[in-house]
Amino acid sequence: MLMGRSSRRLSVLAIVFVVAEGALPVLVVIAMGRVTGAMPGAVVFGVSSSSGHRLLVSLAEAGGIYALSLMRGPLEDALRRAVRTAGPRLPLRGK
């Protein structure tokens, strides 16, 4: 609540970060499941088939989601620094 009074933008970023923190690991598992499911068709019909195309698209999606999940640490550090920087602007109670 206190951060909401200081900076609406930081509050929204914090909420988005918390949602992403919970959702990205689940999305990585789902995306890798899609990759695993697309493998048999690509093996049987080849990578140049529609099954192979589905595998490559699923692999690219999984890689992108995994890359985003790896960026959580640096993004958390940046958000923490931004909140600390905004800290002095927070109003003190009773003043």
C-alpha atoms as a PDB file:
ATOM      1  CA  MET A   1       0.000   0.000   0.000  1.00  0.00           C
ATOM      2  CA  LEU A   2       2.815   2.373   0.862  1.00  0.00           C
ATOM      3  CA  MET A   3       4.515   1.781  -2.470  1.00  0.00           C
ATOM      4  CA  GLY A   4       1.206   2.502  -4.218  1.00  0.00           C
ATOM      5  CA  ARG A   5       1.178   5.988  -2.747  1.00  0.00           C
ATOM      6  CA  SER A   6       4.771   6.581  -3.791  1.00  0.00           C
ATOM      7  CA  SER A   7       4.725   5.339  -7.351  1.00  0.00           C
ATOM      8  CA  ARG A   8       1.832   3.801  -9.229  1.00  0.00           C
ATOM      9  CA  ARG A   9       4.223   2.620 -11.961  1.00  0.00           C
ATOM     10  CA  LEU A  10       6.397   0.726  -9.471  1.00  0.00           C
ATOM     11  CA  SER A  11       3.307  -0.816  -7.924  1.00  0.00           C
ATOM     12  CA  VAL A  12       2.099  -2.068 -11.298  1.00  0.00           C
ATOM     13  CA  LEU A  13       5.582  -3.400 -12.138  1.00  0.00           C
ATOM     14  CA  ALA A  14       5.739  -5.201  -8.801  1.00  0.00           C
ATOM     15  CA  ILE A  15       2.351  -6.820  -9.398  1.00  0.00           C
ATOM     16  CA  VAL A  16       3.349  -7.875 -12.928  1.00  0.00           C
ATOM     17  CA  PHE A  17       6.617  -9.279 -11.562  1.00  0.00           C
ATOM     18  CA  VAL A  18       4.839 -11.328  -8.884  1.00  0.00           C
ATOM     19  CA  VAL A  19       2.426 -12.763 -11.466  1.00  0.00           C
ATOM     20  CA  ALA A  20       5.306 -13.547 -13.848  1.00  0.00           C
ATOM     21  CA  GLU A  21       7.281 -15.111 -11.000  1.00  0.00           C
ATOM     22  CA  GLY A  22       4.478 -17.612 -10.499  1.00  0.00           C
ATOM     23  CA  ALA A  23       3.450 -18.117 -14.115  1.00  0.00           C
ATOM     24  CA  LEU A  24       6.777 -18.474 -15.954  1.00  0.00           C
ATOM     25  CA  PRO A  25       7.892 -21.780 -14.390  1.00  0.00           C
ATOM     26  CA  VAL A  26       4.507 -23.318 -15.183  1.00  0.00           C
ATOM     27  CA  LEU A  27       4.615 -21.973 -18.741  1.00  0.00           C
ATOM     28  CA  VAL A  28       8.105 -23.433 -19.248  1.00  0.00           C
ATOM     29  CA  VAL A  29       6.868 -26.885 -18.222  1.00  0.00           C
ATOM     30  CA  ILE A  30       3.822 -26.614 -20.495  1.00  0.00           C
ATOM     31  CA  ALA A  31       5.954 -25.439 -23.435  1.00  0.00           C
ATOM     32  CA  MET A  32       8.459 -28.258 -22.932  1.00  0.00           C
ATOM     33  CA  GLY A  33       5.560 -30.711 -22.814  1.00  0.00           C
ATOM     34  CA  ARG A  34       4.453 -29.430 -26.198  1.00  0.00           C
ATOM     35  CA  VAL A  35       7.999 -29.946 -27.513  1.00  0.00           C
ATOM     36  CA  THR A  36       8.009 -33.493 -26.187  1.00  0.00           C
ATOM     37  CA  GLY A  37       4.599 -34.166 -27.716  1.00  0.00           C
ATOM     38  CA  ALA A  38       5.714 -32.891 -31.127  1.00  0.00           C
ATOM     39  CA  MET A  39       8.847 -35.074 -31.284  1.00  0.00           C
ATOM     40  CA  PRO A  40       7.344 -38.405 -32.413  1.00  0.00           C
ATOM     41  CA  GLY A  41       5.678 -36.891 -35.481  1.00  0.00           C
ATOM     42  CA  ALA A  42       8.854 -35.024 -36.421  1.00  0.00           C
ATOM     43  CA  VAL A  43      10.891 -38.215 -36.093  1.00  0.00           C
ATOM     44  CA  VAL A  44       8.477 -40.227 -38.242  1.00  0.00           C
ATOM     45  CA  PHE A  45       7.716 -37.617 -40.919  1.00  0.00           C
ATOM     46  CA  GLY A  46      10.896 -35.498 -40.809  1.00  0.00           C
ATOM     47  CA  VAL A  47      11.702 -31.977 -39.753  1.00  0.00           C
ATOM     48  CA  SER A  48      10.485 -30.507 -43.049  1.00  0.00           C
ATOM     49  CA  SER A  49       6.974 -31.902 -42.495  1.00  0.00           C
ATOM     50  CA  SER A  50       4.160 -30.111 -40.694  1.00  0.00           C
ATOM     51  CA  SER A  51       4.984 -32.181 -37.604  1.00  0.00           C
ATOM     52  CA  GLY A  52       8.589 -31.022 -37.808  1.00  0.00           C
ATOM     53  CA  HIS A  53       7.438 -27.432 -38.212  1.00  0.00           C
ATOM     54  CA  ARG A  54       5.255 -27.819 -35.121  1.00  0.00           C
ATOM     55  CA  LEU A  55       8.276 -29.146 -33.221  1.00  0.00           C
ATOM     56  CA  LEU A  56      10.459 -26.206 -34.253  1.00  0.00           C
ATOM     57  CA  VAL A  57       7.791 -23.643 -33.370  1.00  0.00           C
ATOM     58  CA  SER A  58       7.192 -25.317 -30.004  1.00  0.00           C
ATOM     59  CA  LEU A  59      10.936 -25.413 -29.344  1.00  0.00           C
ATOM     60  CA  ALA A  60      11.283 -21.709 -30.179  1.00  0.00           C
ATOM     61  CA  GLU A  61       8.363 -20.850 -27.882  1.00  0.00           C
ATOM     62  CA  ALA A  62       9.816 -22.949 -25.055  1.00  0.00           C
ATOM     63  CA  GLY A  63      13.222 -21.335 -25.515  1.00  0.00           C
ATOM     64  CA  GLY A  64      11.717 -17.849 -25.412  1.00  0.00           C
ATOM     65  CA  ILE A  65       9.701 -18.567 -22.278  1.00  0.00           C
ATOM     66  CA  TYR A  66      12.743 -20.161 -20.634  1.00  0.00           C
ATOM     67  CA  ALA A  67      14.875 -17.118 -21.512  1.00  0.00           C
ATOM     68  CA  LEU A  68      12.253 -14.887 -19.884  1.00  0.00           C
ATOM     69  CA  SER A  69      12.317 -17.077 -16.782  1.00  0.00           C
ATOM     70  CA  LEU A  70      16.106 -16.676 -16.585  1.00  0.00           C
ATOM     71  CA  MET A  71      15.690 -12.896 -16.597  1.00  0.00           C
ATOM     72  CA  ARG A  72      13.617 -12.937 -13.389  1.00  0.00           C
ATOM     73  CA  GLY A  73      16.666 -12.512 -11.132  1.00  0.00           C
ATOM     74  CA  PRO A  74      18.120  -9.445 -12.861  1.00  0.00           C
ATOM     75  CA  LEU A  75      14.641  -7.932 -13.214  1.00  0.00           C
ATOM     76  CA  GLU A  76      13.991  -8.478  -9.515  1.00  0.00           C
ATOM     77  CA  ASP A  77      17.266  -6.715  -8.687  1.00  0.00           C
ATOM     78  CA  ALA A  78      16.333  -3.767 -10.904  1.00  0.00           C
ATOM     79  CA  LEU A  79      12.863  -3.539  -9.367  1.00  0.00           C
ATOM     80  CA  ARG A  80      14.338  -3.695  -5.871  1.00  0.00           C
ATOM     81  CA  ARG A  81      16.755  -0.845  -6.701  1.00  0.00           C
ATOM     82  CA  ALA A  82      13.915   1.222  -8.139  1.00  0.00           C
ATOM     83  CA  VAL A  83      11.822   0.713  -5.012  1.00  0.00           C
ATOM     84  CA  ARG A  84      14.756   1.646  -2.773  1.00  0.00           C
ATOM     85  CA  THR A  85      15.373   4.760  -4.857  1.00  0.00           C
ATOM     86  CA  ALA A  86      11.728   5.749  -4.524  1.00  0.00           C
ATOM     87  CA  GLY A  87      11.880   5.090  -0.779  1.00  0.00           C
ATOM     88  CA  PRO A  88      12.966   8.569   0.320  1.00  0.00           C
ATOM     89  CA  ARG A  89       9.944  10.042  -1.457  1.00  0.00           C
ATOM     90  CA  LEU A  90       7.563   7.991   0.657  1.00  0.00           C
ATOM     91  CA  PRO A  91       5.583  10.229   3.015  1.00  0.00           C
ATOM     92  CA  LEU A  92       6.154   9.712   6.715  1.00  0.00           C
ATOM     93  CA  ARG A  93       3.132   9.024   8.860  1.00  0.00           C
ATOM     94  CA  GLY A  94       1.945  12.092  10.741  1.00  0.00           C
ATOM     95  CA  LYS A  95       3.849  14.607   8.620  1.00  0.00           C
END
